[in-house]
Amino acid sequence: MTVDFLSNRDAELAILGIAMNDAACAQQLAAMREDLFTGQDTAAVFRAVRRLVGKGAGCDLLTVSTEAQCDLDAPHALLVDCVSRGFSPAMY
């Protein structure tokens, strides 16, 4: 089995989920480069988080879902998957 360390969808989903649960993580994520997200859908969610952080808005499931609709037709299932995979120290 070969692992591509430059493309890890599970990691992309998890970091996006963490950003929706932790404002400090969302700010750190917004400073990253978009090309680190290899999927079109995960890159679209990243852009939504970055736009929200840039506006000074919160990044939770609802706000990111609304913002991601600029780039994705139906982001809800993807975002729920992200949140279910992401955890952060702030959650404990």
Protein backbone atom coordinates (compact mmCIF):
# COMPACT_ATOMS: atom_id res chain seq x y z
CA MET A 1 0.00 0.00 0.00
CA THR A 2 1.35 3.41 -0.98
CA VAL A 3 0.61 6.50 1.05
CA ASP A 4 0.77 9.90 -0.61
CA PHE A 5 1.91 12.22 2.16
CA LEU A 6 1.31 15.30 0.00
CA SER A 7 -2.37 14.46 -0.42
CA ASN A 8 -4.33 13.22 2.56
CA ARG A 9 -8.07 13.78 2.33
CA ASP A 10 -8.66 12.62 5.91
CA ALA A 11 -6.20 15.21 7.20
CA GLU A 12 -7.78 17.94 5.06
CA LEU A 13 -11.25 17.11 6.37
CA ALA A 14 -10.03 16.96 9.97
CA ILE A 15 -8.24 20.32 9.90
CA LEU A 16 -11.30 21.96 8.37
CA GLY A 17 -13.45 20.39 11.10
CA ILE A 18 -11.09 21.66 13.78
CA ALA A 19 -11.31 25.17 12.33
CA MET A 20 -15.09 25.05 12.67
CA ASN A 21 -14.76 24.18 16.35
CA ASP A 22 -11.90 26.45 17.42
CA ALA A 23 -11.51 30.14 16.50
CA ALA A 24 -7.75 30.15 17.04
CA CYS A 25 -7.37 27.18 14.71
CA ALA A 26 -9.56 28.91 12.12
CA GLN A 27 -7.22 31.91 12.20
CA GLN A 28 -4.18 29.69 11.79
CA LEU A 29 -5.85 27.80 8.96
CA ALA A 30 -6.73 31.03 7.14
CA ALA A 31 -3.02 31.87 6.99
CA MET A 32 -2.24 28.66 5.08
CA ARG A 33 -1.92 28.39 1.30
CA GLU A 34 -4.93 27.17 -0.66
CA ASP A 35 -2.83 24.78 -2.75
CA LEU A 36 -2.27 22.65 0.36
CA PHE A 37 -5.84 21.43 -0.11
CA THR A 38 -5.82 18.89 -2.92
CA GLY A 39 -9.54 18.34 -3.34
CA GLN A 40 -11.70 20.93 -5.08
CA ASP A 41 -14.31 20.57 -2.35
CA THR A 42 -11.87 20.88 0.56
CA ALA A 43 -10.22 23.88 -1.12
CA ALA A 44 -13.67 25.48 -1.43
CA VAL A 45 -14.32 24.97 2.29
CA PHE A 46 -10.88 26.41 3.03
CA ARG A 47 -11.74 29.51 0.99
CA ALA A 48 -14.99 29.87 2.93
CA VAL A 49 -13.14 29.71 6.26
CA ARG A 50 -10.54 32.20 5.00
CA ARG A 51 -13.24 34.65 3.86
CA LEU A 52 -15.05 34.41 7.20
CA VAL A 53 -11.86 34.95 9.20
CA GLY A 54 -11.05 37.91 6.96
CA LYS A 55 -14.44 39.42 7.79
CA GLY A 56 -13.90 38.81 11.51
CA ALA A 57 -16.86 36.40 11.53
CA GLY A 58 -17.12 33.16 13.45
CA CYS A 59 -16.43 29.86 11.72
CA ASP A 60 -18.97 27.30 12.80
CA LEU A 61 -20.89 24.69 10.85
CA LEU A 62 -23.70 27.07 9.92
CA THR A 63 -21.61 30.08 8.90
CA VAL A 64 -19.12 28.00 6.91
CA SER A 65 -21.97 26.13 5.22
CA THR A 66 -23.58 29.40 4.16
CA GLU A 67 -20.26 30.88 2.98
CA ALA A 68 -19.20 27.69 1.16
CA GLN A 69 -22.32 27.83 -1.00
CA CYS A 70 -20.46 30.45 -3.07
CA ASP A 71 -18.24 27.61 -4.34
CA LEU A 72 -20.15 24.38 -3.64
CA ASP A 73 -23.72 23.42 -4.50
CA ALA A 74 -24.49 21.36 -1.41
CA PRO A 75 -21.71 21.60 1.20
CA HIS A 76 -23.74 20.34 4.18
CA ALA A 77 -22.80 16.64 4.12
CA LEU A 78 -19.14 17.46 3.51
CA LEU A 79 -19.06 19.90 6.42
CA VAL A 80 -20.73 17.46 8.81
CA ASP A 81 -18.05 14.94 7.79
CA CYS A 82 -15.36 17.54 8.52
CA VAL A 83 -16.76 18.36 11.96
CA SER A 84 -17.08 14.68 12.86
CA ARG A 85 -13.39 14.14 12.08
CA GLY A 86 -11.99 17.27 13.69
CA PHE A 87 -11.16 17.69 17.35
CA SER A 88 -9.01 20.20 19.14
CA PRO A 89 -7.63 20.76 22.63
CA ALA A 90 -10.27 23.46 23.16
CA MET A 91 -12.91 20.72 23.12
CA TYR A 92 -11.58 19.17 26.34
